[in-house]
Amino acid sequence: MPPSSSWPDCQTWLHNTNELFDFIKHSANGSNPTIRSLLVAQLVEHLKGQLNFKHVAAHEEAYKLYCACVEFLDWCQSSICSGFTQGFYT
């Protein structure tokens, strides 16, 4: 079901999230665990921001990006907990 109102900052959210996700994804691959944790925390804070999930669910590009971020966060959580050092690739 589409949201009842428009999402005026959709392109801004997509741009900012893409930029942040790309930077963090590439930086986290070679970082020590402390830096990786800080980068992950930054992505989590960004995703927790003022975001109407109805808008994200109705916008295919935003939904795919949000899911990719969540998948990355899951990978980070499992690699931090297990000490796994293989990089994340998308």
Protein backbone atom coordinates (compact mmCIF):
# COMPACT_ATOMS: atom_id res chain seq x y z
CA MET A 1 0.00 0.00 0.00
CA PRO A 2 1.56 3.33 -1.01
CA PRO A 3 2.05 6.01 1.62
CA SER A 4 -0.66 8.60 1.97
CA SER A 5 1.71 11.53 1.53
CA SER A 6 4.69 12.12 -0.69
CA TRP A 7 8.28 11.64 0.42
CA PRO A 8 9.81 15.01 -0.45
CA ASP A 9 13.36 14.18 0.61
CA CYS A 10 13.50 10.76 -1.06
CA GLN A 11 16.34 11.64 -3.43
CA THR A 12 18.29 13.26 -0.61
CA TRP A 13 17.84 10.19 1.59
CA LEU A 14 18.89 7.88 -1.25
CA HIS A 15 21.97 9.97 -2.03
CA ASN A 16 23.07 10.33 1.60
CA THR A 17 22.45 6.68 2.40
CA ASN A 18 24.27 5.48 -0.72
CA GLU A 19 27.27 7.69 0.02
CA LEU A 20 27.44 6.65 3.67
CA PHE A 21 26.88 2.96 2.93
CA ASP A 22 29.53 2.85 0.19
CA PHE A 23 32.08 4.60 2.40
CA ILE A 24 31.39 2.39 5.41
CA LYS A 25 31.22 -0.82 3.39
CA HIS A 26 34.64 -0.24 1.82
CA SER A 27 36.23 1.17 4.98
CA ALA A 28 35.00 -1.64 7.21
CA ASN A 29 36.66 -4.34 5.11
CA GLY A 30 40.18 -3.37 6.15
CA SER A 31 39.52 -1.70 9.47
CA ASN A 32 40.35 -2.88 12.92
CA PRO A 33 37.37 -3.91 15.08
CA THR A 34 37.18 -0.58 16.92
CA ILE A 35 36.95 1.47 13.74
CA ARG A 36 34.51 -1.03 12.23
CA SER A 37 32.28 -0.71 15.31
CA LEU A 38 32.29 3.09 15.03
CA LEU A 39 31.42 2.93 11.33
CA VAL A 40 28.61 0.46 11.99
CA ALA A 41 27.25 2.70 14.75
CA GLN A 42 27.21 5.62 12.30
CA LEU A 43 25.18 3.60 9.78
CA VAL A 44 22.76 2.45 12.49
CA GLU A 45 22.21 6.04 13.63
CA HIS A 46 21.56 7.11 10.05
CA LEU A 47 19.00 4.35 9.50
CA LYS A 48 17.30 5.13 12.83
CA GLY A 49 16.79 8.74 11.77
CA GLN A 50 13.49 10.32 10.85
CA LEU A 51 12.44 7.76 8.27
CA ASN A 52 8.92 6.79 7.32
CA PHE A 53 9.17 3.06 6.68
CA LYS A 54 5.94 3.16 4.63
CA HIS A 55 7.78 5.38 2.16
CA VAL A 56 10.79 3.06 2.04
CA ALA A 57 8.61 -0.01 1.53
CA ALA A 58 6.76 1.69 -1.34
CA HIS A 59 9.93 2.88 -3.11
CA GLU A 60 11.81 -0.01 -4.74
CA GLU A 61 15.26 1.62 -4.81
CA ALA A 62 14.99 2.77 -1.19
CA TYR A 63 13.77 -0.65 -0.08
CA LYS A 64 16.69 -2.42 -1.79
CA LEU A 65 19.19 0.02 -0.27
CA TYR A 66 17.68 -0.33 3.20
CA CYS A 67 17.78 -4.14 2.90
CA ALA A 68 21.42 -4.02 1.75
CA CYS A 69 22.31 -1.90 4.78
CA VAL A 70 20.56 -4.34 7.12
CA GLU A 71 22.34 -7.28 5.47
CA PHE A 72 25.66 -5.48 5.95
CA LEU A 73 24.85 -4.79 9.60
CA ASP A 74 24.01 -8.47 10.10
CA TRP A 75 27.35 -9.42 8.56
CA CYS A 76 29.16 -6.95 10.81
CA GLN A 77 27.42 -8.29 13.89
CA SER A 78 28.34 -11.88 13.08
CA SER A 79 31.92 -11.02 12.14
CA ILE A 80 32.47 -8.94 15.27
CA CYS A 81 31.04 -11.66 17.51
CA SER A 82 32.91 -14.51 15.85
CA GLY A 83 36.13 -12.71 15.01
CA PHE A 84 35.56 -13.59 11.35
CA THR A 85 37.82 -11.44 9.18
CA GLN A 86 36.63 -12.08 5.63
CA GLY A 87 35.48 -8.92 3.86
CA PHE A 88 31.90 -8.06 2.96
CA TYR A 89 31.20 -8.07 -0.76
CA THR A 90 28.04 -7.01 -2.57
